[in-house]
Amino acid sequence: MLNEKIRKSINSSVLCWLATSSSDNIPNVSPKEIFMAYREDSIIIANIASPQSVKNIKENQQVCISFIDIFVQKGFQIKGIAEIVDRKNDDFENIQKCLEEMTQGKYPFESITKIKIEKVKEIIAPSYIFYPEISEENKIAEAKKTYLELAENKS
């Protein structure tokens, strides 16, 4: 399931967005910075300041994550079944090591969300559909220009 294209997209995304829902169907979306592809069928996320996500997953294991490269404006939406892996779980140490390489010890976490992938859908910006003649390089340049302008306007 996690082919090279998806792995590359994960590696070029700064954040992913984890959508969960409580047993009462109350949705929650939360940004996650420490995440990665794991084996061939899962994505793992360090639970850093994630009490609502963890609570919801314990009530309803169906989740959705999405991630995009903000400059290329492409990414993926992944739906699956999540489990909370804590220190009591035999897999915790192995999974933790992968994520700790990313955090460099700066963000401690006591549990991990492991998502077994069920469905994958590519995300592309509408401009790819409406303006197919514009090259990806031009789209990237325009996105960088937009983000730079936004940053300057906030200063």
N, C-alpha and C. Protein backbone atom coordinates (compact mmCIF):
# COMPACT_ATOMS: atom_id res chain seq x y z
N MET A 1 0.80 -1.20 0.00
CA MET A 1 0.00 0.00 0.00
C MET A 1 0.85 1.27 0.00
N LEU A 2 1.90 1.29 0.79
CA LEU A 2 2.76 2.47 0.86
C LEU A 2 3.82 2.40 -0.24
N ASN A 3 3.44 2.81 -1.43
CA ASN A 3 4.38 2.78 -2.54
C ASN A 3 5.36 3.96 -2.44
N GLU A 4 6.30 4.01 -3.36
CA GLU A 4 7.35 5.04 -3.34
C GLU A 4 6.76 6.45 -3.45
N LYS A 5 5.72 6.63 -4.25
CA LYS A 5 5.10 7.94 -4.43
C LYS A 5 4.50 8.44 -3.12
N ILE A 6 3.84 7.58 -2.37
CA ILE A 6 3.25 7.96 -1.09
C ILE A 6 4.35 8.26 -0.08
N ARG A 7 5.37 7.41 -0.02
CA ARG A 7 6.48 7.64 0.91
C ARG A 7 7.17 8.98 0.62
N LYS A 8 7.37 9.28 -0.65
CA LYS A 8 8.00 10.55 -1.03
C LYS A 8 7.13 11.72 -0.59
N SER A 9 5.83 11.59 -0.75
CA SER A 9 4.91 12.65 -0.34
C SER A 9 4.94 12.85 1.18
N ILE A 10 4.97 11.77 1.92
CA ILE A 10 5.07 11.86 3.38
C ILE A 10 6.35 12.59 3.77
N ASN A 11 7.45 12.23 3.14
CA ASN A 11 8.75 12.82 3.47
C ASN A 11 8.85 14.30 3.08
N SER A 12 8.02 14.75 2.15
CA SER A 12 8.08 16.15 1.74
C SER A 12 6.98 17.00 2.41
N SER A 13 6.25 16.41 3.34
CA SER A 13 5.18 17.13 4.04
C SER A 13 5.64 17.46 5.46
N VAL A 14 5.43 18.69 5.86
CA VAL A 14 5.83 19.14 7.19
C VAL A 14 4.85 18.63 8.25
N LEU A 15 3.58 18.67 7.93
CA LEU A 15 2.53 18.24 8.85
C LEU A 15 1.61 17.25 8.16
N CYS A 16 0.96 16.44 8.97
CA CYS A 16 -0.21 15.72 8.49
C CYS A 16 -1.36 16.15 9.39
N TRP A 17 -2.56 15.94 8.92
CA TRP A 17 -3.75 16.29 9.68
C TRP A 17 -4.48 14.99 10.00
N LEU A 18 -4.68 14.74 11.28
CA LEU A 18 -5.35 13.53 11.74
C LEU A 18 -6.78 13.87 12.11
N ALA A 19 -7.72 13.23 11.44
CA ALA A 19 -9.14 13.41 11.74
C ALA A 19 -9.64 12.20 12.52
N THR A 20 -10.23 12.48 13.65
CA THR A 20 -10.82 11.43 14.49
C THR A 20 -12.25 11.83 14.80
N SER A 21 -12.96 10.90 15.41
CA SER A 21 -14.34 11.18 15.79
C SER A 21 -14.63 10.42 17.08
N SER A 22 -15.34 11.08 17.98
CA SER A 22 -15.70 10.43 19.24
C SER A 22 -16.79 9.40 19.00
N SER A 23 -17.14 8.67 20.03
CA SER A 23 -18.24 7.70 19.92
C SER A 23 -19.56 8.40 19.66
N ASP A 24 -19.64 9.70 19.98
CA ASP A 24 -20.84 10.51 19.71
C ASP A 24 -20.78 11.18 18.35
N ASN A 25 -19.80 10.79 17.52
CA ASN A 25 -19.61 11.34 16.18
C ASN A 25 -19.25 12.83 16.18
N ILE A 26 -18.57 13.28 17.21
CA ILE A 26 -18.08 14.65 17.25
C ILE A 26 -16.67 14.63 16.65
N PRO A 27 -16.48 15.36 15.52
CA PRO A 27 -15.18 15.29 14.83
C PRO A 27 -14.11 16.14 15.51
N ASN A 28 -12.87 15.76 15.23
CA ASN A 28 -11.71 16.49 15.71
C ASN A 28 -10.62 16.36 14.65
N VAL A 29 -9.99 17.46 14.30
CA VAL A 29 -8.86 17.44 13.37
C VAL A 29 -7.68 18.09 14.08
N SER A 30 -6.54 17.42 14.00
CA SER A 30 -5.38 17.90 14.74
C SER A 30 -4.12 17.77 13.90
N PRO A 31 -3.29 18.82 13.87
CA PRO A 31 -2.03 18.72 13.11
C PRO A 31 -1.02 17.85 13.85
N LYS A 32 -0.28 17.08 13.08
CA LYS A 32 0.76 16.21 13.64
C LYS A 32 2.04 16.44 12.88
N GLU A 33 3.11 16.68 13.63
CA GLU A 33 4.39 17.00 13.01
C GLU A 33 5.31 15.79 12.89
N ILE A 34 5.20 14.86 13.82
CA ILE A 34 6.10 13.71 13.84
C ILE A 34 5.32 12.47 13.38
N PHE A 35 5.48 12.15 12.08
CA PHE A 35 4.78 11.02 11.49
C PHE A 35 5.63 10.43 10.37
N MET A 36 5.39 9.17 10.07
CA MET A 36 6.17 8.53 9.01
C MET A 36 5.50 7.24 8.55
N ALA A 37 5.90 6.81 7.36
CA ALA A 37 5.46 5.51 6.85
C ALA A 37 6.11 4.44 7.72
N TYR A 38 5.37 3.38 7.96
CA TYR A 38 5.89 2.29 8.78
C TYR A 38 5.53 0.97 8.13
N ARG A 39 6.54 0.21 7.85
CA ARG A 39 6.37 -1.05 7.12
C ARG A 39 5.64 -0.78 5.82
N GLU A 40 4.87 -1.73 5.35
CA GLU A 40 4.21 -1.58 4.05
C GLU A 40 2.76 -1.13 4.15
N ASP A 41 2.20 -1.20 5.37
CA ASP A 41 0.76 -0.99 5.47
C ASP A 41 0.32 -0.03 6.57
N SER A 42 1.26 0.71 7.14
CA SER A 42 0.89 1.55 8.28
C SER A 42 1.61 2.90 8.26
N ILE A 43 0.99 3.82 8.98
CA ILE A 43 1.60 5.12 9.26
C ILE A 43 1.62 5.25 10.77
N ILE A 44 2.72 5.77 11.30
CA ILE A 44 2.82 5.97 12.73
C ILE A 44 2.97 7.45 13.03
N ILE A 45 2.37 7.87 14.15
CA ILE A 45 2.37 9.27 14.57
C ILE A 45 2.71 9.31 16.06
N ALA A 46 3.66 10.15 16.43
CA ALA A 46 3.97 10.35 17.84
C ALA A 46 2.84 11.17 18.47
N ASN A 47 2.34 10.70 19.60
CA ASN A 47 1.27 11.43 20.29
C ASN A 47 1.89 12.48 21.21
N ILE A 48 2.06 13.66 20.65
CA ILE A 48 2.63 14.80 21.37
C ILE A 48 1.49 15.80 21.55
N ALA A 49 1.11 16.05 22.77
CA ALA A 49 0.01 16.99 23.04
C ALA A 49 -1.24 16.61 22.25
N SER A 50 -1.64 15.35 22.35
CA SER A 50 -2.75 14.83 21.55
C SER A 50 -3.85 14.17 22.38
N PRO A 51 -4.25 14.74 23.51
CA PRO A 51 -5.21 14.02 24.36
C PRO A 51 -6.56 13.76 23.69
N GLN A 52 -7.05 14.69 22.90
CA GLN A 52 -8.35 14.49 22.27
C GLN A 52 -8.28 13.42 21.18
N SER A 53 -7.22 13.44 20.40
CA SER A 53 -7.04 12.41 19.37
C SER A 53 -6.97 11.03 20.00
N VAL A 54 -6.18 10.88 21.05
CA VAL A 54 -6.03 9.59 21.73
C VAL A 54 -7.37 9.15 22.31
N LYS A 55 -8.08 10.04 22.96
CA LYS A 55 -9.39 9.72 23.54
C LYS A 55 -10.35 9.25 22.45
N ASN A 56 -10.40 9.99 21.35
CA ASN A 56 -11.31 9.62 20.27
C ASN A 56 -10.96 8.26 19.67
N ILE A 57 -9.68 7.99 19.46
CA ILE A 57 -9.28 6.71 18.88
C ILE A 57 -9.67 5.56 19.79
N LYS A 58 -9.59 5.76 21.09
CA LYS A 58 -10.01 4.71 22.03
C LYS A 58 -11.52 4.45 21.93
N GLU A 59 -12.27 5.46 21.50
CA GLU A 59 -13.72 5.32 21.34
C GLU A 59 -14.12 4.89 19.93
N ASN A 60 -13.36 5.31 18.93
CA ASN A 60 -13.69 5.06 17.53
C ASN A 60 -12.38 4.96 16.75
N GLN A 61 -12.03 3.77 16.31
CA GLN A 61 -10.72 3.55 15.69
C GLN A 61 -10.64 4.00 14.23
N GLN A 62 -11.74 4.37 13.63
CA GLN A 62 -11.70 4.81 12.24
C GLN A 62 -11.16 6.23 12.17
N VAL A 63 -10.11 6.42 11.37
CA VAL A 63 -9.47 7.73 11.26
C VAL A 63 -9.17 8.04 9.79
N CYS A 64 -8.82 9.29 9.58
CA CYS A 64 -8.38 9.74 8.26
C CYS A 64 -7.22 10.69 8.49
N ILE A 65 -6.17 10.54 7.69
CA ILE A 65 -5.08 11.51 7.73
C ILE A 65 -4.88 12.05 6.33
N SER A 66 -4.41 13.27 6.27
CA SER A 66 -4.06 13.84 4.98
C SER A 66 -2.77 14.62 5.13
N PHE A 67 -2.04 14.68 4.05
CA PHE A 67 -0.79 15.44 4.02
C PHE A 67 -0.54 15.88 2.60
N ILE A 68 0.00 17.09 2.47
CA ILE A 68 0.34 17.60 1.15
C ILE A 68 1.67 18.33 1.22
N ASP A 69 2.36 18.34 0.12
CA ASP A 69 3.52 19.21 -0.05
C ASP A 69 2.92 20.56 -0.43
N ILE A 70 3.09 21.57 0.40
CA ILE A 70 2.40 22.85 0.19
C ILE A 70 2.86 23.58 -1.06
N PHE A 71 4.05 23.27 -1.54
CA PHE A 71 4.53 23.94 -2.75
C PHE A 71 4.08 23.21 -4.02
N VAL A 72 4.16 21.89 -4.02
CA VAL A 72 3.71 21.11 -5.17
C VAL A 72 2.19 21.07 -5.21
N GLN A 73 1.56 21.19 -4.06
CA GLN A 73 0.10 21.17 -3.90
C GLN A 73 -0.49 19.83 -4.29
N LYS A 74 0.24 18.79 -3.89
CA LYS A 74 -0.22 17.41 -4.08
C LYS A 74 0.07 16.64 -2.80
N GLY A 75 -0.70 15.60 -2.57
CA GLY A 75 -0.50 14.76 -1.41
C GLY A 75 -1.45 13.59 -1.42
N PHE A 76 -1.79 13.11 -0.23
CA PHE A 76 -2.65 11.94 -0.12
C PHE A 76 -3.57 12.06 1.08
N GLN A 77 -4.70 11.40 0.94
CA GLN A 77 -5.64 11.20 2.04
C GLN A 77 -5.64 9.70 2.29
N ILE A 78 -5.50 9.31 3.54
CA ILE A 78 -5.45 7.89 3.90
C ILE A 78 -6.47 7.63 4.99
N LYS A 79 -7.28 6.62 4.78
CA LYS A 79 -8.25 6.19 5.79
C LYS A 79 -7.83 4.83 6.31
N GLY A 80 -8.06 4.63 7.60
CA GLY A 80 -7.67 3.35 8.17
C GLY A 80 -8.16 3.17 9.58
N ILE A 81 -7.65 2.13 10.19
CA ILE A 81 -7.99 1.77 11.56
C ILE A 81 -6.78 2.08 12.43
N ALA A 82 -7.02 2.87 13.47
CA ALA A 82 -5.93 3.30 14.35
C ALA A 82 -5.93 2.51 15.65
N GLU A 83 -4.74 2.37 16.18
CA GLU A 83 -4.61 1.81 17.53
C GLU A 83 -3.59 2.66 18.27
N ILE A 84 -3.78 2.76 19.57
CA ILE A 84 -2.83 3.48 20.41
C ILE A 84 -1.82 2.45 20.94
N VAL A 85 -0.57 2.69 20.62
CA VAL A 85 0.52 1.81 21.07
C VAL A 85 1.22 2.53 22.21
N ASP A 86 1.13 1.95 23.41
CA ASP A 86 1.79 2.57 24.56
C ASP A 86 2.92 1.67 25.05
N ARG A 87 3.56 2.06 26.14
CA ARG A 87 4.74 1.35 26.63
C ARG A 87 4.46 -0.10 27.02
N LYS A 88 3.21 -0.43 27.28
CA LYS A 88 2.85 -1.81 27.64
C LYS A 88 2.87 -2.73 26.41
N ASN A 89 2.81 -2.14 25.23
CA ASN A 89 2.75 -2.90 23.99
C ASN A 89 4.16 -3.38 23.61
N ASP A 90 4.28 -4.64 23.18
CA ASP A 90 5.58 -5.20 22.81
C ASP A 90 6.25 -4.45 21.66
N ASP A 91 5.47 -3.84 20.77
CA ASP A 91 6.01 -3.12 19.61
C ASP A 91 6.46 -1.69 19.93
N PHE A 92 6.13 -1.20 21.11
CA PHE A 92 6.37 0.21 21.41
C PHE A 92 7.82 0.62 21.19
N GLU A 93 8.76 -0.14 21.74
CA GLU A 93 10.18 0.27 21.65
C GLU A 93 10.67 0.36 20.21
N ASN A 94 10.31 -0.62 19.39
CA ASN A 94 10.74 -0.60 17.99
C ASN A 94 10.16 0.59 17.25
N ILE A 95 8.87 0.84 17.44
CA ILE A 95 8.22 1.95 16.76
C ILE A 95 8.75 3.28 17.30
N GLN A 96 8.92 3.36 18.61
CA GLN A 96 9.41 4.58 19.24
C GLN A 96 10.77 5.01 18.68
N LYS A 97 11.65 4.05 18.45
CA LYS A 97 12.98 4.37 17.93
C LYS A 97 12.90 5.10 16.60
N CYS A 98 12.00 4.66 15.73
CA CYS A 98 11.84 5.32 14.43
C CYS A 98 11.44 6.79 14.60
N LEU A 99 10.48 7.03 15.46
CA LEU A 99 9.98 8.39 15.65
C LEU A 99 10.96 9.27 16.43
N GLU A 100 11.70 8.68 17.36
CA GLU A 100 12.66 9.47 18.14
C GLU A 100 13.79 9.99 17.27
N GLU A 101 14.10 9.31 16.18
CA GLU A 101 15.10 9.84 15.24
C GLU A 101 14.61 11.17 14.68
N MET A 102 13.32 11.28 14.45
CA MET A 102 12.74 12.52 13.92
C MET A 102 12.72 13.62 14.98
N THR A 103 12.38 13.27 16.21
CA THR A 103 12.25 14.29 17.27
C THR A 103 13.59 14.71 17.84
N GLN A 104 14.62 13.88 17.67
CA GLN A 104 15.94 14.13 18.25
C GLN A 104 15.84 14.38 19.75
N GLY A 105 14.85 13.73 20.38
CA GLY A 105 14.67 13.85 21.82
C GLY A 105 14.02 15.14 22.28
N LYS A 106 13.61 16.00 21.37
CA LYS A 106 13.04 17.30 21.74
C LYS A 106 11.58 17.21 22.18
N TYR A 107 10.87 16.20 21.73
CA TYR A 107 9.45 16.07 22.03
C TYR A 107 9.17 14.70 22.62
N PRO A 108 9.08 14.61 23.94
CA PRO A 108 8.80 13.30 24.53
C PRO A 108 7.35 12.87 24.25
N PHE A 109 7.16 11.57 24.12
CA PHE A 109 5.82 11.05 23.92
C PHE A 109 5.72 9.69 24.60
N GLU A 110 4.53 9.42 25.14
CA GLU A 110 4.30 8.19 25.88
C GLU A 110 3.49 7.17 25.09
N SER A 111 2.95 7.61 23.96
CA SER A 111 2.19 6.67 23.13
C SER A 111 2.30 7.08 21.66
N ILE A 112 1.89 6.15 20.82
CA ILE A 112 2.01 6.31 19.37
C ILE A 112 0.68 5.88 18.75
N THR A 113 0.25 6.62 17.74
CA THR A 113 -0.90 6.18 16.96
C THR A 113 -0.36 5.41 15.76
N LYS A 114 -0.82 4.20 15.62
CA LYS A 114 -0.45 3.36 14.47
C LYS A 114 -1.71 3.15 13.64
N ILE A 115 -1.64 3.57 12.39
CA ILE A 115 -2.81 3.50 11.51
C ILE A 115 -2.57 2.44 10.44
N LYS A 116 -3.40 1.42 10.46
CA LYS A 116 -3.36 0.39 9.41
C LYS A 116 -4.18 0.91 8.24
N ILE A 117 -3.53 1.04 7.10
CA ILE A 117 -4.13 1.67 5.93
C ILE A 117 -5.18 0.77 5.29
N GLU A 118 -6.35 1.37 5.01
CA GLU A 118 -7.41 0.66 4.30
C GLU A 118 -7.69 1.27 2.93
N LYS A 119 -7.64 2.61 2.83
CA LYS A 119 -7.92 3.29 1.56
C LYS A 119 -6.95 4.44 1.37
N VAL A 120 -6.54 4.65 0.13
CA VAL A 120 -5.63 5.75 -0.22
C VAL A 120 -6.24 6.51 -1.38
N LYS A 121 -6.21 7.84 -1.27
CA LYS A 121 -6.73 8.69 -2.34
C LYS A 121 -5.74 9.84 -2.54
N GLU A 122 -5.39 10.09 -3.78
CA GLU A 122 -4.48 11.20 -4.07
C GLU A 122 -5.21 12.53 -3.95
N ILE A 123 -4.52 13.53 -3.43
CA ILE A 123 -5.04 14.90 -3.34
C ILE A 123 -4.24 15.76 -4.31
N ILE A 124 -4.94 16.52 -5.15
CA ILE A 124 -4.26 17.48 -6.02
C ILE A 124 -5.05 18.79 -5.99
N ALA A 125 -4.33 19.88 -6.07
CA ALA A 125 -4.97 21.19 -6.09
C ALA A 125 -5.83 21.32 -7.36
N PRO A 126 -6.95 22.03 -7.26
CA PRO A 126 -7.82 22.23 -8.43
C PRO A 126 -7.10 22.86 -9.62
N SER A 127 -6.05 23.61 -9.38
CA SER A 127 -5.35 24.25 -10.50
C SER A 127 -4.79 23.23 -11.48
N TYR A 128 -4.48 22.02 -11.02
CA TYR A 128 -3.99 20.98 -11.93
C TYR A 128 -5.08 20.56 -12.92
N ILE A 129 -6.32 20.65 -12.48
CA ILE A 129 -7.45 20.26 -13.33
C ILE A 129 -7.85 21.43 -14.23
N PHE A 130 -7.96 22.63 -13.65
CA PHE A 130 -8.45 23.78 -14.40
C PHE A 130 -7.39 24.42 -15.31
N TYR A 131 -6.11 24.26 -14.94
CA TYR A 131 -5.03 24.87 -15.71
C TYR A 131 -3.93 23.85 -15.98
N PRO A 132 -4.23 22.78 -16.71
CA PRO A 132 -3.22 21.73 -16.93
C PRO A 132 -2.02 22.19 -17.74
N GLU A 133 -2.15 23.31 -18.44
CA GLU A 133 -1.03 23.81 -19.25
C GLU A 133 0.06 24.46 -18.39
N ILE A 134 -0.24 24.79 -17.16
CA ILE A 134 0.76 25.40 -16.27
C ILE A 134 1.62 24.29 -15.69
N SER A 135 2.92 24.41 -15.85
CA SER A 135 3.84 23.37 -15.38
C SER A 135 3.87 23.30 -13.86
N GLU A 136 4.29 22.14 -13.37
CA GLU A 136 4.43 21.97 -11.92
C GLU A 136 5.47 22.95 -11.37
N GLU A 137 6.52 23.20 -12.12
CA GLU A 137 7.56 24.15 -11.67
C GLU A 137 6.96 25.55 -11.48
N ASN A 138 6.09 25.97 -12.40
CA ASN A 138 5.44 27.28 -12.27
C ASN A 138 4.49 27.31 -11.09
N LYS A 139 3.79 26.20 -10.84
CA LYS A 139 2.88 26.12 -9.69
C LYS A 139 3.68 26.24 -8.38
N ILE A 140 4.84 25.59 -8.34
CA ILE A 140 5.70 25.65 -7.15
C ILE A 140 6.20 27.09 -6.95
N ALA A 141 6.66 27.72 -8.01
CA ALA A 141 7.14 29.11 -7.91
C ALA A 141 6.03 30.03 -7.43
N GLU A 142 4.83 29.86 -7.95
CA GLU A 142 3.69 30.70 -7.55
C GLU A 142 3.33 30.46 -6.08
N ALA A 143 3.35 29.20 -5.65
CA ALA A 143 3.05 28.89 -4.25
C ALA A 143 4.09 29.51 -3.32
N LYS A 144 5.36 29.42 -3.69
CA LYS A 144 6.42 30.02 -2.87
C LYS A 144 6.24 31.53 -2.77
N LYS A 145 5.89 32.14 -3.89
CA LYS A 145 5.65 33.59 -3.91
C LYS A 145 4.48 33.95 -2.99
N THR A 146 3.41 33.19 -3.05
CA THR A 146 2.23 33.44 -2.21
C THR A 146 2.58 33.31 -0.73
N TYR A 147 3.30 32.24 -0.35
CA TYR A 147 3.66 32.04 1.05
C TYR A 147 4.61 33.12 1.53
N LEU A 148 5.52 33.57 0.68
CA LEU A 148 6.44 34.64 1.05
C LEU A 148 5.67 35.94 1.30
N GLU A 149 4.73 36.24 0.40
CA GLU A 149 3.90 37.44 0.57
C GLU A 149 3.08 37.36 1.87
N LEU A 150 2.52 36.22 2.16
CA LEU A 150 1.76 36.05 3.40
C LEU A 150 2.65 36.28 4.62
N ALA A 151 3.85 35.73 4.58
CA ALA A 151 4.78 35.88 5.69
C ALA A 151 5.18 37.35 5.87
N GLU A 152 5.42 38.04 4.77
CA GLU A 152 5.80 39.46 4.84
C GLU A 152 4.65 40.30 5.37
N ASN A 153 3.43 39.98 5.01
CA ASN A 153 2.26 40.75 5.46
C ASN A 153 2.00 40.56 6.94
N LYS A 154 2.46 39.46 7.51
CA LYS A 154 2.27 39.20 8.95
C LYS A 154 3.34 39.88 9.78
N SER A 155 4.41 40.31 9.15
CA SER A 155 5.52 40.94 9.88
C SER A 155 5.17 42.33 10.31
